[in-house]
Amino acid sequence: MQYISTLKMTKLSPQVIKNIDHWSSDLFDENTRSEIENLKNNPEELEDRFYKNLDFGTGGMRGMMGVGTNRINKYTLGRNTQGLSNYLKQIYPNKNLKVVIAYDCRHNSKTFAKIVADVFSANGIEVFLFEDLRATPELSFALKHLNCQCGIVLTASHNPPEYNGYKVYWEDGGQLVPPHDKAIISIINNLDYKDINFSVQNELIHSIGKEIDDVFINAAVSNGTLEKNNNKNRENLTVVFTSLHGTSITAVPETLKRAGYTNVHIVEEQAIPNGDFPTVKSPNPEEPEALDMALKLAEKVKADIVIGTDPDCDRLGIAVRNTAGKLTLLNGNQTMVIMTKFLLEQWKNQGKINGNQFVGSTIVSTPMLPKLTEHFGVACKIGLTGFKWIAKMIEEYPTLDFVGGGEESFGFMVGDFVRDKDAVTSTLLACEIAALSKANGGSFFEELIGLYSTHGFYKERLISVTKKGRKGAEEIQNIMDQARRHPQQTIHNSKVVRIDDYQSSISKNTAENTSSEIKIPKANVLIFTTEDGSKIALRPSGTEPKIKFYISVNTPLHSKENYDKINDALEQKIDDIIASMQLL
């Protein structure tokens, strides 16, 4: 055809041209064919859209919306859902299969959720579809509550407005993990788009809503409260909350209300769900600017704590008042250690710690956490980045009690009633910590300083470098290859004593010139540990076009009065490491 012959004159690869040719056929709808036609004079855009299929990463499938094999659209979602349907029938033969589907505030999320529901139903699978947007942790909860084999949430978490995504959950309520993920991908890759069954059976699709909300919120209150009957402390705490235009508005305010918090101020300008996220540059609570409006409201109402959640309500950012009374943003590692400390104290006070408990975390999170759990006589299990690995631990250690789990990227899970990051219950837990600390004459921040005094002052920082498109992916891989071929021998005047390469599963002790096996799944992660205890991790993101550098430094804090001085020194040390490694 003339269109394709025109494309052949460009520098597009044969595979890209083949994909475009296929998507220009009558198998695809008129809107799809028209969008491709409109792009025929933009070969770079066509290359990016068609050079590969979207892959499952640490958080599922995530990408920009639009036409193409490397985009989120009716056909890529349909093919994935068809492949997943085929796999479910293979794994659960002769069973009445059930799935539950949720979606967030993003553009097209509701439409995409219905498409996914249609394909499942077309394959004879019963579907429970939320009537409107819901928080991701509620999806995880609902999956187990409804005895489903699988769950889907349409979300791109905190990505920019042009993104959407497709996260898959298994019957335990956790995200998809090996061997299921690779098996499903294999089936999907062997499907053609003509194999998708779009013939909806509406009688198999059921709308769900408040009946699930009530049970989920009550479970969040039960798991997230530290003192069951002390509402006076809760009434004395002033809270500012922002949903950043996302789904948490459907669950967090009601959860706080049922727990007994009466002095909660919501940032009304950000309370209406909106996929454009008009009041923020990025709806990511990891970014300080995302909480600007909440911080301003907090100063006005003299709030004790500020909390903001991302669009699908699995991450939360927290600001509390420091020793000088100034609102200070905490990072994910700080939030994780203080939440873990209070949960462990609660378990200890209830006489529930007997050596059969554990906490979960990840290889790029703070090394302080194992020090903390050891203090309580509780194990700390470490897995790859992503909460699916923490959820998997619960299944892998069925004889152990799971206390909670966290990762540096502002996610925390309280107990195992939800099997993913849960900003609903974690928001309540943060308020409980703040209320209890205030009632005892202290503060959330002072509790953190106390932890540093006991276990060492650990300071972390994340550097993310964005490199988009096919060229960017190649640049990221080249950075990793170079780091492996020419590893750092010293970092900021401290000798590298260990190199952990999770791709080769080899941990090398450079001081003793010995090696050992890393006994967790392979991943494209490289971690350098220096003689002075600093750690630098390199990891390409599984869901975004980024390479991430995680830096951790530490030193003793002998006196709480020296906090500011030691904090400044550690910040400077991180700056020096960044400069010595030329990360920016």
Protein backbone atom coordinates (compact mmCIF):
# COMPACT_ATOMS: atom_id res chain seq x y z
CA MET A 1 0.00 0.00 0.00
CA GLN A 2 1.13 3.56 -0.67
CA TYR A 3 1.25 4.51 2.99
CA ILE A 4 3.68 1.75 3.87
CA SER A 5 5.86 2.36 0.84
CA THR A 6 6.19 5.95 2.02
CA LEU A 7 7.28 4.72 5.41
CA LYS A 8 9.92 2.48 3.85
CA MET A 9 11.69 5.57 2.60
CA THR A 10 12.33 6.61 6.18
CA LYS A 11 14.80 5.13 8.64
CA LEU A 12 12.17 3.04 10.39
CA SER A 13 13.23 -0.52 11.14
CA PRO A 14 11.57 -3.43 9.28
CA GLN A 15 9.87 -4.60 12.49
CA VAL A 16 8.39 -1.15 13.13
CA ILE A 17 7.09 -0.98 9.55
CA LYS A 18 5.61 -4.47 9.91
CA ASN A 19 3.82 -3.44 13.11
CA ILE A 20 2.49 -0.25 11.52
CA ASP A 21 1.30 -2.21 8.50
CA HIS A 22 -0.59 -4.61 10.74
CA TRP A 23 -2.20 -1.80 12.75
CA SER A 24 -3.26 -0.10 9.51
CA SER A 25 -5.33 -3.12 8.51
CA ASP A 26 -9.11 -3.52 8.82
CA LEU A 27 -8.60 -5.54 12.01
CA PHE A 28 -8.23 -2.24 13.86
CA ASP A 29 -10.92 0.42 14.17
CA GLU A 30 -11.15 3.56 12.09
CA ASN A 31 -9.89 5.85 14.86
CA THR A 32 -6.71 3.77 15.20
CA ARG A 33 -6.03 3.77 11.46
CA SER A 34 -6.71 7.50 11.26
CA GLU A 35 -4.26 8.29 14.09
CA ILE A 36 -1.54 6.31 12.34
CA GLU A 37 -2.23 8.16 9.10
CA ASN A 38 -1.87 11.48 10.91
CA LEU A 39 1.57 10.41 12.16
CA LYS A 40 3.02 9.27 8.84
CA ASN A 41 5.23 12.36 8.59
CA ASN A 42 6.57 11.90 12.11
CA PRO A 43 8.88 8.86 11.91
CA GLU A 44 10.45 9.45 15.33
CA GLU A 45 7.04 9.30 17.00
CA LEU A 46 6.07 6.21 15.01
CA GLU A 47 9.35 4.53 15.95
CA ASP A 48 8.69 5.12 19.64
CA ARG A 49 5.11 3.89 19.39
CA PHE A 50 5.85 0.68 17.50
CA TYR A 51 9.43 -0.44 18.21
CA LYS A 52 8.43 -2.75 21.08
CA ASN A 53 5.56 -4.09 23.14
CA LEU A 54 4.89 -2.59 26.55
CA ASP A 55 6.40 -4.87 29.19
CA PHE A 56 5.45 -5.75 32.74
CA GLY A 57 7.83 -3.99 35.13
CA THR A 58 7.97 -3.69 38.93
CA GLY A 59 4.46 -2.22 38.95
CA GLY A 60 2.84 -3.90 35.96
CA MET A 61 2.35 -2.37 32.52
CA ARG A 62 2.57 1.40 32.36
CA GLY A 63 3.00 3.80 29.47
CA MET A 64 1.69 6.73 27.50
CA MET A 65 -1.78 6.47 26.01
CA GLY A 66 -2.23 6.38 22.25
CA VAL A 67 -2.05 4.13 19.22
CA GLY A 68 0.81 1.64 19.00
CA THR A 69 2.30 -1.52 20.45
CA ASN A 70 4.28 0.63 22.91
CA ARG A 71 1.23 2.53 24.13
CA ILE A 72 -1.76 1.99 26.39
CA ASN A 73 -4.86 1.56 24.24
CA LYS A 74 -7.86 -0.67 23.58
CA TYR A 75 -5.79 -3.27 21.76
CA THR A 76 -2.74 -3.54 24.00
CA LEU A 77 -5.04 -3.77 27.03
CA GLY A 78 -7.27 -6.21 25.17
CA ARG A 79 -4.39 -8.48 24.18
CA ASN A 80 -3.02 -8.52 27.72
CA THR A 81 -6.46 -9.31 29.11
CA GLN A 82 -7.00 -12.07 26.54
CA GLY A 83 -3.64 -13.58 27.44
CA LEU A 84 -4.47 -13.32 31.13
CA SER A 85 -7.87 -14.97 30.52
CA ASN A 86 -6.19 -17.85 28.70
CA TYR A 87 -3.72 -18.30 31.54
CA LEU A 88 -6.41 -18.23 34.23
CA LYS A 89 -8.27 -21.02 32.44
CA GLN A 90 -5.04 -22.98 32.17
CA ILE A 91 -4.13 -22.59 35.86
CA TYR A 92 -7.67 -23.03 37.22
CA PRO A 93 -9.33 -25.63 34.97
CA ASN A 94 -13.00 -26.38 35.59
CA LYS A 95 -13.33 -23.48 38.03
CA ASN A 96 -15.82 -20.60 37.95
CA LEU A 97 -13.29 -17.80 37.51
CA LYS A 98 -13.78 -14.36 39.07
CA VAL A 99 -11.87 -11.11 38.68
CA VAL A 100 -12.28 -7.67 40.24
CA ILE A 101 -11.42 -4.42 38.45
CA ALA A 102 -10.77 -0.92 39.80
CA TYR A 103 -9.56 2.29 38.21
CA ASP A 104 -8.25 5.71 39.21
CA CYS A 105 -8.89 9.32 38.17
CA ARG A 106 -6.83 9.32 34.99
CA HIS A 107 -8.11 10.12 31.53
CA ASN A 108 -9.69 7.04 29.94
CA SER A 109 -9.33 4.92 33.09
CA LYS A 110 -13.07 4.27 33.32
CA THR A 111 -13.28 3.47 29.60
CA PHE A 112 -10.25 1.19 29.77
CA ALA A 113 -11.68 -0.58 32.84
CA LYS A 114 -14.87 -1.36 30.90
CA ILE A 115 -12.86 -2.67 27.94
CA VAL A 116 -10.92 -4.97 30.24
CA ALA A 117 -14.16 -6.12 31.89
CA ASP A 118 -15.68 -6.79 28.46
CA VAL A 119 -12.79 -9.02 27.38
CA PHE A 120 -12.87 -11.02 30.62
CA SER A 121 -16.62 -11.50 30.30
CA ALA A 122 -16.25 -12.47 26.63
CA ASN A 123 -14.05 -15.29 27.87
CA GLY A 124 -16.71 -16.49 30.32
CA ILE A 125 -15.07 -14.96 33.42
CA GLU A 126 -17.23 -13.32 36.08
CA VAL A 127 -16.27 -9.67 36.67
CA PHE A 128 -16.75 -7.38 39.67
CA LEU A 129 -16.26 -3.83 38.39
CA PHE A 130 -16.14 -0.87 40.79
CA GLU A 131 -18.86 1.65 39.97
CA ASP A 132 -16.44 4.57 40.16
CA LEU A 133 -12.81 5.32 40.96
CA ARG A 134 -11.34 3.59 44.00
CA ALA A 135 -8.01 3.43 45.83
CA THR A 136 -5.61 0.69 44.73
CA PRO A 137 -5.38 -0.88 48.23
CA GLU A 138 -9.15 -1.38 48.16
CA LEU A 139 -8.71 -3.40 44.97
CA SER A 140 -6.19 -5.66 46.72
CA PHE A 141 -8.57 -6.04 49.67
CA ALA A 142 -11.61 -6.69 47.47
CA LEU A 143 -9.83 -9.42 45.54
CA LYS A 144 -9.45 -11.54 48.66
CA HIS A 145 -12.78 -10.47 50.14
CA LEU A 146 -14.66 -11.62 47.02
CA ASN A 147 -12.54 -14.79 46.60
CA CYS A 148 -11.38 -13.78 43.14
CA GLN A 149 -8.48 -15.36 41.29
CA CYS A 150 -7.25 -12.11 39.78
CA GLY A 151 -7.59 -8.34 40.01
CA ILE A 152 -6.80 -5.43 37.73
CA VAL A 153 -6.41 -1.75 38.49
CA LEU A 154 -6.17 0.83 35.72
CA THR A 155 -3.67 3.41 36.95
CA ALA A 156 -0.34 5.01 36.19
CA SER A 157 0.26 5.92 39.82
CA HIS A 158 2.08 9.28 39.97
CA ASN A 159 3.14 9.48 36.29
CA PRO A 160 2.27 12.54 34.16
CA PRO A 161 -1.29 12.96 32.79
CA GLU A 162 -0.52 11.36 29.41
CA TYR A 163 0.19 8.01 31.10
CA ASN A 164 -2.02 5.15 32.15
CA GLY A 165 -1.36 1.61 33.27
CA TYR A 166 -2.56 -1.90 34.01
CA LYS A 167 -1.57 -3.56 37.27
CA VAL A 168 -2.32 -7.25 37.72
CA TYR A 169 -3.03 -8.84 41.10
CA TRP A 170 -3.19 -12.55 41.92
CA GLU A 171 -5.47 -14.48 44.28
CA ASP A 172 -3.35 -13.69 47.36
CA GLY A 173 -4.09 -9.98 46.82
CA GLY A 174 -0.50 -9.16 45.81
CA GLN A 175 0.77 -8.03 42.45
CA LEU A 176 1.80 -10.53 39.82
CA VAL A 177 5.14 -12.26 40.55
CA PRO A 178 7.13 -15.15 39.05
CA PRO A 179 6.40 -17.64 37.69
CA HIS A 180 3.00 -16.24 36.72
CA ASP A 181 4.28 -13.00 35.18
CA LYS A 182 6.66 -14.65 32.71
CA ALA A 183 4.13 -17.34 31.82
CA ILE A 184 1.46 -14.73 31.11
CA ILE A 185 3.86 -12.59 29.07
CA SER A 186 4.77 -15.65 27.01
CA ILE A 187 1.11 -16.31 26.25
CA ILE A 188 0.48 -12.64 25.43
CA ASN A 189 3.47 -12.49 23.09
CA ASN A 190 2.10 -15.45 21.13
CA LEU A 191 -1.26 -13.78 20.62
CA ASP A 192 -2.23 -11.74 17.62
CA TYR A 193 -4.66 -8.86 18.02
CA LYS A 194 -7.21 -10.85 16.03
CA ASP A 195 -7.26 -13.32 18.94
CA ILE A 196 -8.85 -10.79 21.30
CA ASN A 197 -12.46 -11.62 22.13
CA PHE A 198 -14.36 -8.34 22.53
CA SER A 199 -17.85 -9.98 22.49
CA VAL A 200 -19.03 -8.77 25.89
CA GLN A 201 -21.35 -10.88 28.06
CA ASN A 202 -22.90 -8.14 30.20
CA GLU A 203 -24.66 -10.62 32.48
CA LEU A 204 -21.21 -11.62 33.84
CA ILE A 205 -20.28 -8.05 34.84
CA HIS A 206 -21.42 -6.88 38.30
CA SER A 207 -21.12 -3.35 39.67
CA ILE A 208 -19.70 -3.04 43.19
CA GLY A 209 -19.24 -0.04 45.48
CA LYS A 210 -20.29 0.95 48.99
CA GLU A 211 -20.71 -2.60 50.25
CA ILE A 212 -16.97 -3.14 49.66
CA ASP A 213 -16.01 0.37 50.83
CA ASP A 214 -17.53 -0.17 54.27
CA VAL A 215 -15.76 -3.46 54.91
CA PHE A 216 -12.43 -2.12 53.63
CA ILE A 217 -12.54 1.09 55.67
CA ASN A 218 -13.49 -0.79 58.83
CA ALA A 219 -10.54 -3.13 58.25
CA ALA A 220 -8.24 -0.13 57.76
CA VAL A 221 -9.42 1.37 61.06
CA SER A 222 -8.94 -1.94 62.86
CA ASN A 223 -5.40 -2.43 61.52
CA GLY A 224 -4.24 1.18 61.61
CA THR A 225 -5.12 2.25 65.14
CA LEU A 226 -2.62 2.04 67.99
CA GLU A 227 -4.94 2.84 70.89
CA LYS A 228 -8.48 1.59 70.39
CA ASN A 229 -10.40 3.81 72.82
CA ASN A 230 -8.51 7.08 73.22
CA ASN A 231 -10.38 9.55 71.02
CA LYS A 232 -9.31 12.51 73.15
CA ASN A 233 -5.79 12.25 71.70
CA ARG A 234 -7.24 12.09 68.20
CA GLU A 235 -9.46 15.12 68.74
CA ASN A 236 -6.43 17.11 69.89
CA LEU A 237 -4.50 16.46 66.66
CA THR A 238 -4.87 18.91 63.78
CA VAL A 239 -4.49 17.20 60.40
CA VAL A 240 -4.24 18.59 56.88
CA PHE A 241 -4.92 16.12 54.09
CA THR A 242 -4.72 16.37 50.29
CA SER A 243 -5.71 13.73 47.76
CA LEU A 244 -3.81 15.57 44.96
CA HIS A 245 -6.86 15.16 42.69
CA GLY A 246 -6.73 11.38 43.12
CA THR A 247 -8.76 8.45 44.45
CA SER A 248 -7.88 8.72 48.14
CA ILE A 249 -10.70 11.22 48.62
CA THR A 250 -13.04 8.19 48.41
CA ALA A 251 -11.48 6.48 51.45
CA VAL A 252 -9.07 8.49 53.60
CA PRO A 253 -11.42 11.17 55.05
CA GLU A 254 -13.98 8.53 56.02
CA THR A 255 -11.28 6.30 57.53
CA LEU A 256 -10.01 9.15 59.71
CA LYS A 257 -13.55 10.04 60.70
CA ARG A 258 -14.41 6.48 61.77
CA ALA A 259 -11.15 6.30 63.73
CA GLY A 260 -12.13 9.38 65.74
CA TYR A 261 -10.26 12.26 64.06
CA THR A 262 -12.50 15.32 64.08
CA ASN A 263 -10.01 18.09 63.26
CA VAL A 264 -9.15 17.17 59.67
CA HIS A 265 -8.72 19.92 57.07
CA ILE A 266 -8.91 18.88 53.42
CA VAL A 267 -7.28 20.91 50.65
CA GLU A 268 -10.51 21.54 48.78
CA GLU A 269 -8.82 22.80 45.59
CA GLN A 270 -7.25 19.34 45.20
CA ALA A 271 -10.16 17.26 46.48
CA ILE A 272 -11.93 16.88 43.13
CA PRO A 273 -10.52 13.95 41.09
CA ASN A 274 -8.93 15.27 37.90
CA GLY A 275 -6.62 13.44 35.50
CA ASP A 276 -4.94 16.71 34.50
CA PHE A 277 -3.76 17.29 38.10
CA PRO A 278 -4.15 21.05 37.48
CA THR A 279 -2.69 22.40 40.73
CA VAL A 280 0.57 20.42 40.75
CA LYS A 281 3.50 19.90 38.43
CA SER A 282 3.52 16.24 39.45
CA PRO A 283 0.95 14.40 41.63
CA ASN A 284 3.77 12.57 43.36
CA PRO A 285 4.11 12.96 47.15
CA GLU A 286 7.81 12.14 46.71
CA GLU A 287 8.14 15.60 45.14
CA PRO A 288 8.16 18.38 47.79
CA GLU A 289 6.28 20.79 45.52
CA ALA A 290 3.27 18.45 45.45
CA LEU A 291 2.44 19.37 49.05
CA ASP A 292 2.82 23.15 48.69
CA MET A 293 -0.90 23.91 48.96
CA ALA A 294 -1.29 21.54 51.89
CA LEU A 295 1.63 23.16 53.71
CA LYS A 296 0.10 26.61 53.26
CA LEU A 297 -3.20 25.41 54.67
CA ALA A 298 -1.32 23.74 57.54
CA GLU A 299 0.29 27.01 58.55
CA LYS A 300 -3.10 28.71 58.46
CA VAL A 301 -4.78 26.14 60.72
CA LYS A 302 -1.63 25.40 62.78
CA ALA A 303 -1.66 21.72 61.82
CA ASP A 304 0.46 19.11 63.57
CA ILE A 305 0.77 16.87 60.51
CA VAL A 306 0.29 17.13 56.74
CA ILE A 307 -0.40 14.10 54.55
CA GLY A 308 -0.76 13.82 50.77
CA THR A 309 -1.36 10.73 48.65
CA ASP A 310 -0.68 9.91 45.01
CA PRO A 311 -3.47 9.43 42.41
CA ASP A 312 -4.14 5.74 43.11
CA CYS A 313 -3.61 6.11 46.88
CA ASP A 314 -0.81 3.66 47.47
CA ARG A 315 1.94 6.20 48.37
CA LEU A 316 1.86 8.94 50.96
CA GLY A 317 4.00 11.95 51.74
CA ILE A 318 4.15 13.35 55.28
CA ALA A 319 5.22 16.67 56.78
CA VAL A 320 5.51 17.21 60.54
CA ARG A 321 6.80 20.00 62.74
CA ASN A 322 10.48 19.83 63.69
CA THR A 323 11.97 20.87 67.05
CA ALA A 324 11.77 24.52 65.97
CA GLY A 325 8.08 24.19 65.08
CA LYS A 326 8.67 24.37 61.32
CA LEU A 327 6.87 21.95 59.01
CA THR A 328 9.41 19.50 57.60
CA LEU A 329 8.89 16.95 54.84
CA LEU A 330 9.90 13.38 55.62
CA ASN A 331 11.18 10.93 53.04
CA GLY A 332 9.91 7.40 52.55
CA ASN A 333 12.71 5.82 54.55
CA GLN A 334 12.03 8.05 57.55
CA THR A 335 8.31 7.32 57.41
CA MET A 336 9.01 3.61 57.12
CA VAL A 337 11.28 3.32 60.15
CA ILE A 338 9.05 5.31 62.48
CA MET A 339 5.90 3.41 61.42
CA THR A 340 7.73 0.12 61.89
CA LYS A 341 8.95 1.19 65.34
CA PHE A 342 5.44 1.98 66.56
CA LEU A 343 3.99 -1.24 65.15
CA LEU A 344 6.73 -3.28 66.81
CA GLU A 345 6.16 -1.49 70.11
CA GLN A 346 2.47 -2.25 69.84
CA TRP A 347 3.16 -5.94 69.17
CA LYS A 348 5.65 -6.01 72.05
CA ASN A 349 3.24 -4.36 74.50
CA GLN A 350 0.58 -6.90 73.53
CA GLY A 351 3.02 -9.76 74.18
CA LYS A 352 2.85 -10.90 70.55
CA ILE A 353 6.60 -10.94 69.73
CA ASN A 354 7.99 -14.46 70.14
CA GLY A 355 10.61 -14.74 67.37
CA ASN A 356 8.11 -15.76 64.69
CA GLN A 357 7.53 -12.27 63.26
CA PHE A 358 9.04 -10.40 60.36
CA VAL A 359 9.07 -7.04 58.60
CA GLY A 360 9.56 -6.69 54.83
CA SER A 361 11.61 -4.19 52.87
CA THR A 362 13.67 -3.81 49.69
CA ILE A 363 17.29 -3.78 48.58
CA VAL A 364 17.29 -0.02 47.87
CA SER A 365 15.60 1.03 51.11
CA THR A 366 17.38 2.27 54.23
CA PRO A 367 19.86 -0.15 55.90
CA MET A 368 18.54 1.26 59.18
CA LEU A 369 15.45 -0.94 59.12
CA PRO A 370 17.23 -4.26 59.86
CA LYS A 371 18.99 -2.54 62.79
CA LEU A 372 15.59 -1.47 64.15
CA THR A 373 13.88 -4.84 63.76
CA GLU A 374 16.86 -6.65 65.32
CA HIS A 375 16.43 -4.44 68.39
CA PHE A 376 12.93 -5.92 68.83
CA GLY A 377 13.99 -9.49 68.05
CA VAL A 378 12.13 -9.48 64.76
CA ALA A 379 13.50 -10.57 61.38
CA CYS A 380 13.75 -8.18 58.44
CA LYS A 381 13.27 -9.87 55.08
CA ILE A 382 14.77 -7.99 52.13
CA GLY A 383 13.52 -8.36 48.54
CA LEU A 384 13.68 -6.63 45.19
CA THR A 385 12.18 -3.21 44.60
CA GLY A 386 8.40 -3.21 44.43
CA PHE A 387 5.73 -4.17 46.91
CA LYS A 388 4.87 -7.32 45.00
CA TRP A 389 8.00 -8.85 46.50
CA ILE A 390 6.94 -7.91 50.04
CA ALA A 391 3.50 -9.44 49.41
CA LYS A 392 5.24 -12.56 48.09
CA MET A 393 7.15 -12.86 51.38
CA ILE A 394 3.86 -13.34 53.22
CA GLU A 395 3.14 -16.36 51.02
CA GLU A 396 6.71 -17.65 51.29
CA TYR A 397 6.74 -17.60 55.11
CA PRO A 398 3.28 -18.87 56.09
CA THR A 399 4.41 -19.86 59.61
CA LEU A 400 5.63 -16.32 60.38
CA ASP A 401 3.53 -13.31 61.40
CA PHE A 402 3.84 -10.33 59.08
CA VAL A 403 4.00 -7.07 61.04
CA GLY A 404 4.35 -4.57 58.20
CA GLY A 405 6.54 -3.58 55.30
CA GLY A 406 7.90 -0.52 53.60
CA GLU A 407 10.08 0.79 50.82
CA GLU A 408 11.88 4.05 50.18
CA SER A 409 9.41 5.22 47.54
CA PHE A 410 6.86 6.41 50.10
CA GLY A 411 4.97 3.13 50.44
CA PHE A 412 3.98 1.19 53.55
CA MET A 413 1.75 -1.78 54.33
CA VAL A 414 0.24 -2.42 57.77
CA GLY A 415 -0.41 -6.11 58.40
CA ASP A 416 -1.50 -8.45 55.62
CA PHE A 417 -5.18 -7.64 55.08
CA VAL A 418 -4.02 -5.61 52.06
CA ARG A 419 -1.14 -7.00 50.00
CA ASP A 420 0.19 -3.80 48.45
CA LYS A 421 1.25 -0.30 49.41
CA ASP A 422 -1.68 1.11 51.35
CA ALA A 423 -1.86 4.87 51.84
CA VAL A 424 -5.30 4.62 53.46
CA THR A 425 -4.23 2.59 56.49
CA SER A 426 -0.78 4.21 56.54
CA THR A 427 -2.33 7.68 56.70
CA LEU A 428 -4.29 6.60 59.75
CA LEU A 429 -1.19 5.04 61.33
CA ALA A 430 0.78 8.26 60.77
CA CYS A 431 -1.95 10.24 62.53
CA GLU A 432 -1.99 7.71 65.37
CA ILE A 433 1.76 8.16 65.87
CA ALA A 434 1.44 11.95 65.80
CA ALA A 435 -1.52 11.94 68.23
CA LEU A 436 0.12 9.57 70.69
CA SER A 437 3.44 11.44 70.59
CA LYS A 438 1.70 14.77 71.15
CA ALA A 439 -0.30 13.38 74.06
CA ASN A 440 2.96 12.19 75.66
CA GLY A 441 4.51 15.66 75.40
CA GLY A 442 6.64 14.92 72.34
CA SER A 443 6.18 14.90 68.58
CA PHE A 444 6.43 12.71 65.50
CA PHE A 445 9.75 14.39 64.63
CA GLU A 446 11.22 13.88 68.08
CA GLU A 447 10.37 10.19 67.84
CA LEU A 448 12.44 10.05 64.65
CA ILE A 449 15.42 11.74 66.28
CA GLY A 450 15.15 9.24 69.11
CA LEU A 451 15.44 6.41 66.61
CA TYR A 452 18.57 7.98 65.13
CA SER A 453 20.10 8.26 68.60
CA THR A 454 19.49 4.58 69.26
CA HIS A 455 20.26 2.98 65.91
CA GLY A 456 22.44 5.51 64.07
CA PHE A 457 21.60 8.48 61.88
CA TYR A 458 20.84 7.16 58.39
CA LYS A 459 20.35 9.67 55.60
CA GLU A 460 19.15 8.78 52.10
CA ARG A 461 18.60 10.57 48.83
CA LEU A 462 17.25 9.48 45.46
CA ILE A 463 18.56 10.84 42.16
CA SER A 464 16.37 10.09 39.10
CA VAL A 465 17.62 10.74 35.58
CA THR A 466 15.02 10.65 32.80
CA LYS A 467 15.99 9.28 29.39
CA LYS A 468 13.01 8.81 27.10
CA GLY A 469 12.40 6.64 24.07
CA ARG A 470 14.45 3.92 22.44
CA LYS A 471 17.64 5.97 22.54
CA GLY A 472 17.08 6.71 26.22
CA ALA A 473 16.61 3.02 27.01
CA GLU A 474 19.91 2.29 25.27
CA GLU A 475 21.67 5.05 27.22
CA ILE A 476 20.36 3.67 30.51
CA GLN A 477 21.57 0.19 29.65
CA ASN A 478 24.95 1.60 28.66
CA ILE A 479 25.28 3.28 32.09
CA MET A 480 24.62 -0.06 33.77
CA ASP A 481 27.04 -1.89 31.45
CA GLN A 482 29.79 0.63 32.12
CA ALA A 483 29.26 0.40 35.88
CA ARG A 484 29.65 -3.37 35.66
CA ARG A 485 32.66 -3.36 33.35
CA HIS A 486 34.46 -0.58 35.19
CA PRO A 487 33.19 -0.69 38.79
CA GLN A 488 33.99 2.07 41.26
CA GLN A 489 36.97 1.24 43.49
CA THR A 490 36.47 4.23 45.79
CA ILE A 491 33.53 6.56 46.34
CA HIS A 492 34.24 9.90 47.97
CA ASN A 493 37.55 8.74 49.46
CA SER A 494 36.04 5.55 50.92
CA LYS A 495 37.06 2.18 49.53
CA VAL A 496 34.36 0.02 47.93
CA VAL A 497 34.31 -3.20 49.96
CA ARG A 498 31.32 -4.98 48.40
CA ILE A 499 29.60 -5.02 45.02
CA ASP A 500 26.20 -6.67 44.80
CA ASP A 501 25.16 -7.42 41.22
CA TYR A 502 21.59 -8.64 41.22
CA GLN A 503 21.68 -9.36 37.50
CA SER A 504 24.44 -11.95 37.87
CA SER A 505 23.33 -12.88 41.43
CA ILE A 506 26.91 -12.40 42.64
CA SER A 507 27.97 -10.49 45.75
CA LYS A 508 31.68 -9.72 45.59
CA ASN A 509 33.67 -8.88 48.71
CA THR A 510 36.37 -6.71 47.13
CA ALA A 511 38.36 -6.44 50.36
CA GLU A 512 38.80 -10.20 50.63
CA ASN A 513 38.42 -10.97 46.90
CA THR A 514 35.66 -13.51 47.58
CA SER A 515 32.20 -13.98 46.09
CA SER A 516 28.90 -15.40 47.23
CA GLU A 517 25.50 -16.04 45.66
CA ILE A 518 22.63 -13.57 46.03
CA LYS A 519 19.60 -15.73 46.74
CA ILE A 520 16.77 -13.54 45.52
CA PRO A 521 15.43 -13.24 41.94
CA LYS A 522 17.63 -11.58 39.34
CA ALA A 523 17.18 -7.88 38.57
CA ASN A 524 19.11 -5.16 36.78
CA VAL A 525 20.43 -3.60 40.00
CA LEU A 526 23.98 -2.85 41.10
CA ILE A 527 24.85 -1.81 44.68
CA PHE A 528 28.21 -0.52 45.92
CA THR A 529 28.97 -0.57 49.66
CA THR A 530 31.94 1.39 50.98
CA GLU A 531 34.21 0.96 53.97
CA ASP A 532 32.45 3.75 55.87
CA GLY A 533 29.01 2.14 55.43
CA SER A 534 27.75 4.24 52.54
CA LYS A 535 25.63 2.50 49.91
CA ILE A 536 25.00 3.56 46.32
CA ALA A 537 22.51 1.61 44.22
CA LEU A 538 21.95 1.90 40.47
CA ARG A 539 18.59 0.71 39.13
CA PRO A 540 16.70 1.36 35.89
CA SER A 541 13.03 1.97 36.66
CA GLY A 542 10.67 -0.80 35.69
CA THR A 543 7.78 1.54 34.89
CA GLU A 544 9.31 4.87 33.81
CA PRO A 545 12.06 5.93 31.36
CA LYS A 546 14.47 6.63 34.21
CA ILE A 547 17.61 5.38 35.84
CA LYS A 548 17.65 5.80 39.59
CA PHE A 549 20.59 6.26 41.97
CA TYR A 550 19.91 5.54 45.65
CA ILE A 551 22.43 6.98 48.09
CA SER A 552 22.59 6.07 51.79
CA VAL A 553 25.08 7.41 54.35
CA ASN A 554 25.17 7.11 58.12
CA THR A 555 26.96 8.11 61.31
CA PRO A 556 26.22 7.88 65.05
CA LEU A 557 24.06 10.55 66.69
CA HIS A 558 25.39 10.75 70.23
CA SER A 559 23.24 13.69 71.27
CA LYS A 560 19.80 14.79 70.09
CA GLU A 561 21.01 18.37 70.38
CA ASN A 562 23.50 17.66 67.58
CA TYR A 563 20.77 16.64 65.13
CA ASP A 564 20.98 19.73 62.91
CA LYS A 565 24.78 19.65 62.77
CA ILE A 566 24.94 15.93 61.89
CA ASN A 567 22.08 16.27 59.41
CA ASP A 568 23.95 19.02 57.56
CA ALA A 569 27.14 16.95 57.54
CA LEU A 570 25.35 13.94 56.04
CA GLU A 571 23.65 16.11 53.41
CA GLN A 572 27.07 17.46 52.43
CA LYS A 573 28.46 13.94 52.25
CA ILE A 574 25.69 12.93 49.84
CA ASP A 575 26.46 16.02 47.74
CA ASP A 576 30.12 14.99 47.65
CA ILE A 577 29.23 11.44 46.58
CA ILE A 578 27.03 12.77 43.78
CA ALA A 579 29.89 15.00 42.60
CA SER A 580 32.51 12.24 42.83
CA MET A 581 30.34 9.84 40.80
CA GLN A 582 29.24 12.58 38.37
CA LEU A 583 25.58 11.63 38.77
CA LEU A 584 24.29 15.08 37.80
